[in-house]
Amino acid sequence: MEIKVSNFGDILMSRPAGREAFLMAKAYVFKELKTNEAITLDFDGIKVLAPSWADEFLSGVKREFSNEIQYINTENPSVKASLKTVLE
């Protein structure tokens, strides 16, 4: 399942906004997720990604789903730095 992170906005900041985005995705997007289907997060179109938003969103995904998570279009310096901070 591929999820376009830009559907949540192109400037993603704050922990509360990340949690809200995860809860929305859980209710509407992830309900279509098949068992053991990989989750691909596409960061194309993201201008700013704050580590707090990424941490809240990704923590929710990891906590709720045991699926493999892949990240694509992470060349943006903001996305790259935030993912590095959160995933290490």
PDB file of N, CA and C in Angstrom:
ATOM      1  N   MET A   1       0.846  -1.177   0.000  1.00  0.00           N
ATOM      2  CA  MET A   1       0.000   0.000   0.000  1.00  0.00           C
ATOM      3  C   MET A   1       0.887   1.235   0.000  1.00  0.00           C
ATOM      4  N   GLU A   2       0.654   2.100  -0.943  1.00  0.00           N
ATOM      5  CA  GLU A   2       1.415   3.345  -1.012  1.00  0.00           C
ATOM      6  C   GLU A   2       0.568   4.494  -0.480  1.00  0.00           C
ATOM      7  N   ILE A   3       1.171   5.269   0.409  1.00  0.00           N
ATOM      8  CA  ILE A   3       0.488   6.413   1.004  1.00  0.00           C
ATOM      9  C   ILE A   3       1.264   7.671   0.649  1.00  0.00           C
ATOM     10  N   LYS A   4       0.595   8.608   0.027  1.00  0.00           N
ATOM     11  CA  LYS A   4       1.203   9.894  -0.292  1.00  0.00           C
ATOM     12  C   LYS A   4       1.088  10.781   0.947  1.00  0.00           C
ATOM     13  N   VAL A   5       2.211  11.010   1.580  1.00  0.00           N
ATOM     14  CA  VAL A   5       2.231  11.806   2.806  1.00  0.00           C
ATOM     15  C   VAL A   5       1.742  13.226   2.534  1.00  0.00           C
ATOM     16  N   SER A   6       1.907  13.691   1.307  1.00  0.00           N
ATOM     17  CA  SER A   6       1.455  15.046   0.965  1.00  0.00           C
ATOM     18  C   SER A   6      -0.057  15.196   1.062  1.00  0.00           C
ATOM     19  N   ASN A   7      -0.786  14.090   1.161  1.00  0.00           N
ATOM     20  CA  ASN A   7      -2.235  14.186   1.380  1.00  0.00           C
ATOM     21  C   ASN A   7      -2.558  14.824   2.732  1.00  0.00           C
ATOM     22  N   PHE A   8      -1.585  14.842   3.631  1.00  0.00           N
ATOM     23  CA  PHE A   8      -1.779  15.442   4.956  1.00  0.00           C
ATOM     24  C   PHE A   8      -1.304  16.888   4.986  1.00  0.00           C
ATOM     25  N   GLY A   9      -0.777  17.381   3.858  1.00  0.00           N
ATOM     26  CA  GLY A   9      -0.267  18.740   3.755  1.00  0.00           C
ATOM     27  C   GLY A   9       1.154  18.716   3.239  1.00  0.00           C
ATOM     28  N   ASP A  10       1.689  19.883   2.910  1.00  0.00           N
ATOM     29  CA  ASP A  10       3.068  19.915   2.433  1.00  0.00           C
ATOM     30  C   ASP A  10       4.024  20.509   3.461  1.00  0.00           C
ATOM     31  N   ILE A  11       3.473  21.067   4.522  1.00  0.00           N
ATOM     32  CA  ILE A  11       4.274  21.539   5.649  1.00  0.00           C
ATOM     33  C   ILE A  11       3.736  20.806   6.884  1.00  0.00           C
ATOM     34  N   LEU A  12       4.508  19.819   7.328  1.00  0.00           N
ATOM     35  CA  LEU A  12       4.053  18.921   8.393  1.00  0.00           C
ATOM     36  C   LEU A  12       4.852  19.199   9.655  1.00  0.00           C
ATOM     37  N   MET A  13       4.203  19.864  10.584  1.00  0.00           N
ATOM     38  CA  MET A  13       4.874  20.263  11.817  1.00  0.00           C
ATOM     39  C   MET A  13       3.971  19.981  13.000  1.00  0.00           C
ATOM     40  N   SER A  14       4.547  19.738  14.119  1.00  0.00           N
ATOM     41  CA  SER A  14       3.938  19.570  15.434  1.00  0.00           C
ATOM     42  C   SER A  14       3.461  18.146  15.699  1.00  0.00           C
ATOM     43  N   ARG A  15       3.682  17.749  16.905  1.00  0.00           N
ATOM     44  CA  ARG A  15       3.272  16.426  17.374  1.00  0.00           C
ATOM     45  C   ARG A  15       1.752  16.237  17.305  1.00  0.00           C
ATOM     46  N   PRO A  16       0.946  17.201  17.752  1.00  0.00           N
ATOM     47  CA  PRO A  16      -0.510  17.008  17.650  1.00  0.00           C
ATOM     48  C   PRO A  16      -0.988  16.813  16.209  1.00  0.00           C
ATOM     49  N   ALA A  17      -0.396  17.539  15.261  1.00  0.00           N
ATOM     50  CA  ALA A  17      -0.788  17.381  13.858  1.00  0.00           C
ATOM     51  C   ALA A  17      -0.389  16.005  13.337  1.00  0.00           C
ATOM     52  N   GLY A  18       0.768  15.495  13.756  1.00  0.00           N
ATOM     53  CA  GLY A  18       1.198  14.160  13.359  1.00  0.00           C
ATOM     54  C   GLY A  18       0.286  13.085  13.909  1.00  0.00           C
ATOM     55  N   ARG A  19      -0.136  13.253  15.154  1.00  0.00           N
ATOM     56  CA  ARG A  19      -1.056  12.284  15.759  1.00  0.00           C
ATOM     57  C   ARG A  19      -2.406  12.326  15.052  1.00  0.00           C
ATOM     58  N   GLU A  20      -2.892  13.522  14.762  1.00  0.00           N
ATOM     59  CA  GLU A  20      -4.167  13.664  14.048  1.00  0.00           C
ATOM     60  C   GLU A  20      -4.095  13.014  12.663  1.00  0.00           C
ATOM     61  N   ALA A  21      -2.976  13.207  11.974  1.00  0.00           N
ATOM     62  CA  ALA A  21      -2.797  12.605  10.649  1.00  0.00           C
ATOM     63  C   ALA A  21      -2.791  11.084  10.755  1.00  0.00           C
ATOM     64  N   PHE A  22      -2.113  10.547  11.774  1.00  0.00           N
ATOM     65  CA  PHE A  22      -2.097   9.097  11.943  1.00  0.00           C
ATOM     66  C   PHE A  22      -3.501   8.564  12.226  1.00  0.00           C
ATOM     67  N   LEU A  23      -4.230   9.208  13.107  1.00  0.00           N
ATOM     68  CA  LEU A  23      -5.577   8.731  13.444  1.00  0.00           C
ATOM     69  C   LEU A  23      -6.499   8.784  12.225  1.00  0.00           C
ATOM     70  N   MET A  24      -6.351   9.816  11.399  1.00  0.00           N
ATOM     71  CA  MET A  24      -7.143   9.900  10.177  1.00  0.00           C
ATOM     72  C   MET A  24      -6.759   8.763   9.226  1.00  0.00           C
ATOM     73  N   ALA A  25      -5.463   8.539   9.080  1.00  0.00           N
ATOM     74  CA  ALA A  25      -4.996   7.461   8.197  1.00  0.00           C
ATOM     75  C   ALA A  25      -5.456   6.103   8.719  1.00  0.00           C
ATOM     76  N   LYS A  26      -5.412   5.916  10.010  1.00  0.00           N
ATOM     77  CA  LYS A  26      -5.847   4.645  10.605  1.00  0.00           C
ATOM     78  C   LYS A  26      -7.327   4.395  10.312  1.00  0.00           C
ATOM     79  N   ALA A  27      -8.117   5.432  10.399  1.00  0.00           N
ATOM     80  CA  ALA A  27      -9.560   5.288  10.198  1.00  0.00           C
ATOM     81  C   ALA A  27      -9.946   5.128   8.738  1.00  0.00           C
ATOM     82  N   TYR A  28      -9.235   5.798   7.842  1.00  0.00           N
ATOM     83  CA  TYR A  28      -9.687   5.824   6.452  1.00  0.00           C
ATOM     84  C   TYR A  28      -8.745   5.159   5.451  1.00  0.00           C
ATOM     85  N   VAL A  29      -7.456   5.223   5.683  1.00  0.00           N
ATOM     86  CA  VAL A  29      -6.498   4.720   4.706  1.00  0.00           C
ATOM     87  C   VAL A  29      -6.076   3.288   5.029  1.00  0.00           C
ATOM     88  N   PHE A  30      -5.659   3.063   6.261  1.00  0.00           N
ATOM     89  CA  PHE A  30      -5.124   1.756   6.633  1.00  0.00           C
ATOM     90  C   PHE A  30      -6.188   0.671   6.746  1.00  0.00           C
ATOM     91  N   LYS A  31      -7.450   1.034   6.731  1.00  0.00           N
ATOM     92  CA  LYS A  31      -8.489   0.007   6.800  1.00  0.00           C
ATOM     93  C   LYS A  31      -8.472  -0.885   5.567  1.00  0.00           C
ATOM     94  N   GLU A  32      -7.853  -0.411   4.486  1.00  0.00           N
ATOM     95  CA  GLU A  32      -7.720  -1.177   3.242  1.00  0.00           C
ATOM     96  C   GLU A  32      -6.458  -2.052   3.246  1.00  0.00           C
ATOM     97  N   LEU A  33      -5.631  -1.918   4.277  1.00  0.00           N
ATOM     98  CA  LEU A  33      -4.350  -2.618   4.338  1.00  0.00           C
ATOM     99  C   LEU A  33      -4.550  -4.118   4.525  1.00  0.00           C
ATOM    100  N   LYS A  34      -3.853  -4.889   3.696  1.00  0.00           N
ATOM    101  CA  LYS A  34      -3.917  -6.345   3.805  1.00  0.00           C
ATOM    102  C   LYS A  34      -2.838  -6.834   4.758  1.00  0.00           C
ATOM    103  N   THR A  35      -3.067  -7.977   5.384  1.00  0.00           N
ATOM    104  CA  THR A  35      -2.091  -8.562   6.283  1.00  0.00           C
ATOM    105  C   THR A  35      -0.765  -8.749   5.559  1.00  0.00           C
ATOM    106  N   ASN A  36       0.306  -8.330   6.197  1.00  0.00           N
ATOM    107  CA  ASN A  36       1.676  -8.451   5.677  1.00  0.00           C
ATOM    108  C   ASN A  36       1.947  -7.655   4.406  1.00  0.00           C
ATOM    109  N   GLU A  37       1.039  -6.775   4.007  1.00  0.00           N
ATOM    110  CA  GLU A  37       1.291  -5.907   2.856  1.00  0.00           C
ATOM    111  C   GLU A  37       2.240  -4.787   3.294  1.00  0.00           C
ATOM    112  N   ALA A  38       3.276  -4.543   2.509  1.00  0.00           N
ATOM    113  CA  ALA A  38       4.227  -3.484   2.839  1.00  0.00           C
ATOM    114  C   ALA A  38       3.546  -2.118   2.756  1.00  0.00           C
ATOM    115  N   ILE A  39       3.960  -1.228   3.627  1.00  0.00           N
ATOM    116  CA  ILE A  39       3.476   0.148   3.629  1.00  0.00           C
ATOM    117  C   ILE A  39       4.585   1.008   3.027  1.00  0.00           C
ATOM    118  N   THR A  40       4.271   1.737   1.979  1.00  0.00           N
ATOM    119  CA  THR A  40       5.237   2.638   1.354  1.00  0.00           C
ATOM    120  C   THR A  40       4.769   4.064   1.579  1.00  0.00           C
ATOM    121  N   LEU A  41       5.599   4.833   2.266  1.00  0.00           N
ATOM    122  CA  LEU A  41       5.289   6.240   2.514  1.00  0.00           C
ATOM    123  C   LEU A  41       6.034   7.078   1.488  1.00  0.00           C
ATOM    124  N   ASP A  42       5.291   7.786   0.663  1.00  0.00           N
ATOM    125  CA  ASP A  42       5.832   8.603  -0.426  1.00  0.00           C
ATOM    126  C   ASP A  42       5.860  10.063   0.022  1.00  0.00           C
ATOM    127  N   PHE A  43       7.066  10.613   0.134  1.00  0.00           N
ATOM    128  CA  PHE A  43       7.236  11.980   0.622  1.00  0.00           C
ATOM    129  C   PHE A  43       7.344  13.003  -0.498  1.00  0.00           C
ATOM    130  N   ASP A  44       6.954  12.638  -1.714  1.00  0.00           N
ATOM    131  CA  ASP A  44       6.974  13.571  -2.831  1.00  0.00           C
ATOM    132  C   ASP A  44       6.047  14.753  -2.537  1.00  0.00           C
ATOM    133  N   GLY A  45       6.531  15.949  -2.760  1.00  0.00           N
ATOM    134  CA  GLY A  45       5.716  17.149  -2.560  1.00  0.00           C
ATOM    135  C   GLY A  45       5.785  17.734  -1.163  1.00  0.00           C
ATOM    136  N   ILE A  46       6.512  17.111  -0.269  1.00  0.00           N
ATOM    137  CA  ILE A  46       6.634  17.631   1.093  1.00  0.00           C
ATOM    138  C   ILE A  46       7.684  18.737   1.103  1.00  0.00           C
ATOM    139  N   LYS A  47       7.314  19.906   1.612  1.00  0.00           N
ATOM    140  CA  LYS A  47       8.245  21.027   1.703  1.00  0.00           C
ATOM    141  C   LYS A  47       8.991  21.012   3.029  1.00  0.00           C
ATOM    142  N   VAL A  48       8.257  20.777   4.124  1.00  0.00           N
ATOM    143  CA  VAL A  48       8.851  20.760   5.462  1.00  0.00           C
ATOM    144  C   VAL A  48       8.272  19.586   6.232  1.00  0.00           C
ATOM    145  N   LEU A  49       9.158  18.800   6.837  1.00  0.00           N
ATOM    146  CA  LEU A  49       8.755  17.703   7.714  1.00  0.00           C
ATOM    147  C   LEU A  49       9.501  17.876   9.026  1.00  0.00           C
ATOM    148  N   ALA A  50       8.775  18.133  10.088  1.00  0.00           N
ATOM    149  CA  ALA A  50       9.390  18.280  11.406  1.00  0.00           C
ATOM    150  C   ALA A  50       9.541  16.904  12.058  1.00  0.00           C
ATOM    151  N   PRO A  51      10.634  16.698  12.797  1.00  0.00           N
ATOM    152  CA  PRO A  51      10.819  15.413  13.477  1.00  0.00           C
ATOM    153  C   PRO A  51       9.662  15.053  14.412  1.00  0.00           C
ATOM    154  N   SER A  52       9.060  16.044  15.047  1.00  0.00           N
ATOM    155  CA  SER A  52       7.956  15.754  15.968  1.00  0.00           C
ATOM    156  C   SER A  52       6.750  15.176  15.224  1.00  0.00           C
ATOM    157  N   TRP A  53       6.420  15.725  14.057  1.00  0.00           N
ATOM    158  CA  TRP A  53       5.310  15.203  13.245  1.00  0.00           C
ATOM    159  C   TRP A  53       5.641  13.789  12.788  1.00  0.00           C
ATOM    160  N   ALA A  54       6.855  13.619  12.253  1.00  0.00           N
ATOM    161  CA  ALA A  54       7.267  12.306  11.752  1.00  0.00           C
ATOM    162  C   ALA A  54       7.267  11.267  12.866  1.00  0.00           C
ATOM    163  N   ASP A  55       7.763  11.635  14.036  1.00  0.00           N
ATOM    164  CA  ASP A  55       7.808  10.697  15.158  1.00  0.00           C
ATOM    165  C   ASP A  55       6.409  10.258  15.562  1.00  0.00           C
ATOM    166  N   GLU A  56       5.510  11.190  15.665  1.00  0.00           N
ATOM    167  CA  GLU A  56       4.141  10.855  16.076  1.00  0.00           C
ATOM    168  C   GLU A  56       3.458   9.978  15.033  1.00  0.00           C
ATOM    169  N   PHE A  57       3.581  10.314  13.769  1.00  0.00           N
ATOM    170  CA  PHE A  57       2.942   9.549  12.706  1.00  0.00           C
ATOM    171  C   PHE A  57       3.558   8.158  12.597  1.00  0.00           C
ATOM    172  N   LEU A  58       4.880   8.098  12.519  1.00  0.00           N
ATOM    173  CA  LEU A  58       5.559   6.809  12.342  1.00  0.00           C
ATOM    174  C   LEU A  58       5.434   5.914  13.563  1.00  0.00           C
ATOM    175  N   SER A  59       5.456   6.489  14.747  1.00  0.00           N
ATOM    176  CA  SER A  59       5.269   5.688  15.960  1.00  0.00           C
ATOM    177  C   SER A  59       3.899   5.029  15.963  1.00  0.00           C
ATOM    178  N   GLY A  60       2.903   5.763  15.533  1.00  0.00           N
ATOM    179  CA  GLY A  60       1.560   5.197  15.440  1.00  0.00           C
ATOM    180  C   GLY A  60       1.488   4.062  14.442  1.00  0.00           C
ATOM    181  N   VAL A  61       2.103   4.254  13.292  1.00  0.00           N
ATOM    182  CA  VAL A  61       2.100   3.204  12.264  1.00  0.00           C
ATOM    183  C   VAL A  61       2.801   1.954  12.788  1.00  0.00           C
ATOM    184  N   LYS A  62       3.971   2.139  13.383  1.00  0.00           N
ATOM    185  CA  LYS A  62       4.738   0.992  13.896  1.00  0.00           C
ATOM    186  C   LYS A  62       4.004   0.294  15.044  1.00  0.00           C
ATOM    187  N   ARG A  63       3.344   1.058  15.886  1.00  0.00           N
ATOM    188  CA  ARG A  63       2.631   0.505  17.034  1.00  0.00           C
ATOM    189  C   ARG A  63       1.410  -0.315  16.604  1.00  0.00           C
ATOM    190  N   GLU A  64       0.700   0.162  15.594  1.00  0.00           N
ATOM    191  CA  GLU A  64      -0.557  -0.463  15.188  1.00  0.00           C
ATOM    192  C   GLU A  64      -0.400  -1.565  14.139  1.00  0.00           C
ATOM    193  N   PHE A  65       0.665  -1.482  13.339  1.00  0.00           N
ATOM    194  CA  PHE A  65       0.813  -2.409  12.221  1.00  0.00           C
ATOM    195  C   PHE A  65       2.210  -3.011  12.234  1.00  0.00           C
ATOM    196  N   SER A  66       2.284  -4.306  12.014  1.00  0.00           N
ATOM    197  CA  SER A  66       3.583  -4.976  11.995  1.00  0.00           C
ATOM    198  C   SER A  66       4.136  -5.083  10.579  1.00  0.00           C
ATOM    199  N   ASN A  67       3.521  -4.422   9.647  1.00  0.00           N
ATOM    200  CA  ASN A  67       3.922  -4.475   8.247  1.00  0.00           C
ATOM    201  C   ASN A  67       5.273  -3.796   8.033  1.00  0.00           C
ATOM    202  N   GLU A  68       5.966  -4.225   6.982  1.00  0.00           N
ATOM    203  CA  GLU A  68       7.213  -3.577   6.594  1.00  0.00           C
ATOM    204  C   GLU A  68       6.890  -2.158   6.127  1.00  0.00           C
ATOM    205  N   ILE A  69       7.747  -1.200   6.500  1.00  0.00           N
ATOM    206  CA  ILE A  69       7.544   0.187   6.096  1.00  0.00           C
ATOM    207  C   ILE A  69       8.709   0.608   5.201  1.00  0.00           C
ATOM    208  N   GLN A  70       8.374   1.149   4.038  1.00  0.00           N
ATOM    209  CA  GLN A  70       9.370   1.651   3.094  1.00  0.00           C
ATOM    210  C   GLN A  70       9.142   3.147   2.924  1.00  0.00           C
ATOM    211  N   TYR A  71      10.223   3.862   2.595  1.00  0.00           N
ATOM    212  CA  TYR A  71      10.167   5.311   2.439  1.00  0.00           C
ATOM    213  C   TYR A  71      10.708   5.665   1.060  1.00  0.00           C
ATOM    214  N   ILE A  72       9.951   6.447   0.297  1.00  0.00           N
ATOM    215  CA  ILE A  72      10.407   6.860  -1.026  1.00  0.00           C
ATOM    216  C   ILE A  72      10.307   8.377  -1.165  1.00  0.00           C
ATOM    217  N   ASN A  73      11.056   8.910  -2.132  1.00  0.00           N
ATOM    218  CA  ASN A  73      11.107  10.357  -2.387  1.00  0.00           C
ATOM    219  C   ASN A  73      11.506  11.128  -1.132  1.00  0.00           C
ATOM    220  N   THR A  74      12.618  10.726  -0.566  1.00  0.00           N
ATOM    221  CA  THR A  74      13.092  11.329   0.683  1.00  0.00           C
ATOM    222  C   THR A  74      14.292  12.259   0.458  1.00  0.00           C
ATOM    223  N   GLU A  75      14.451  12.778  -0.757  1.00  0.00           N
ATOM    224  CA  GLU A  75      15.604  13.611  -1.086  1.00  0.00           C
ATOM    225  C   GLU A  75      15.544  14.997  -0.457  1.00  0.00           C
ATOM    226  N   ASN A  76      14.360  15.494  -0.164  1.00  0.00           N
ATOM    227  CA  ASN A  76      14.209  16.813   0.461  1.00  0.00           C
ATOM    228  C   ASN A  76      15.034  16.825   1.753  1.00  0.00           C
ATOM    229  N   PRO A  77      15.890  17.848   1.959  1.00  0.00           N
ATOM    230  CA  PRO A  77      16.730  17.886   3.160  1.00  0.00           C
ATOM    231  C   PRO A  77      15.938  17.812   4.470  1.00  0.00           C
ATOM    232  N   SER A  78      14.785  18.448   4.497  1.00  0.00           N
ATOM    233  CA  SER A  78      13.945  18.422   5.694  1.00  0.00           C
ATOM    234  C   SER A  78      13.439  17.004   5.969  1.00  0.00           C
ATOM    235  N   VAL A  79      12.984  16.330   4.935  1.00  0.00           N
ATOM    236  CA  VAL A  79      12.496  14.953   5.070  1.00  0.00           C
ATOM    237  C   VAL A  79      13.643  14.032   5.470  1.00  0.00           C
ATOM    238  N   LYS A  80      14.761  14.172   4.789  1.00  0.00           N
ATOM    239  CA  LYS A  80      15.921  13.319   5.056  1.00  0.00           C
ATOM    240  C   LYS A  80      16.384  13.461   6.507  1.00  0.00           C
ATOM    241  N   ALA A  81      16.523  14.690   6.976  1.00  0.00           N
ATOM    242  CA  ALA A  81      16.998  14.934   8.340  1.00  0.00           C
ATOM    243  C   ALA A  81      15.992  14.447   9.381  1.00  0.00           C
ATOM    244  N   SER A  82      14.713  14.678   9.137  1.00  0.00           N
ATOM    245  CA  SER A  82      13.692  14.248  10.109  1.00  0.00           C
ATOM    246  C   SER A  82      13.616  12.742  10.193  1.00  0.00           C
ATOM    247  N   LEU A  83      13.643  12.061   9.057  1.00  0.00           N
ATOM    248  CA  LEU A  83      13.608  10.591   9.078  1.00  0.00           C
ATOM    249  C   LEU A  83      14.848  10.026   9.745  1.00  0.00           C
ATOM    250  N   LYS A  84      15.996  10.627   9.477  1.00  0.00           N
ATOM    251  CA  LYS A  84      17.227  10.167  10.130  1.00  0.00           C
ATOM    252  C   LYS A  84      17.114  10.289  11.641  1.00  0.00           C
ATOM    253  N   THR A  85      16.594  11.409  12.108  1.00  0.00           N
ATOM    254  CA  THR A  85      16.434  11.653  13.541  1.00  0.00           C
ATOM    255  C   THR A  85      15.459  10.653  14.157  1.00  0.00           C
ATOM    256  N   VAL A  86      14.356  10.424  13.511  1.00  0.00           N
ATOM    257  CA  VAL A  86      13.289   9.580  14.070  1.00  0.00           C
ATOM    258  C   VAL A  86      13.606   8.092  13.969  1.00  0.00           C
ATOM    259  N   LEU A  87      14.239   7.679  12.892  1.00  0.00           N
ATOM    260  CA  LEU A  87      14.451   6.255  12.659  1.00  0.00           C
ATOM    261  C   LEU A  87      15.718   5.713  13.316  1.00  0.00           C
ATOM    262  N   GLU A  88      16.591   6.579  13.791  1.00  0.00           N
ATOM    263  CA  GLU A  88      17.818   6.090  14.439  1.00  0.00           C
ATOM    264  C   GLU A  88      17.690   6.024  15.929  1.00  0.00           C
TER     265      GLU A  88
END
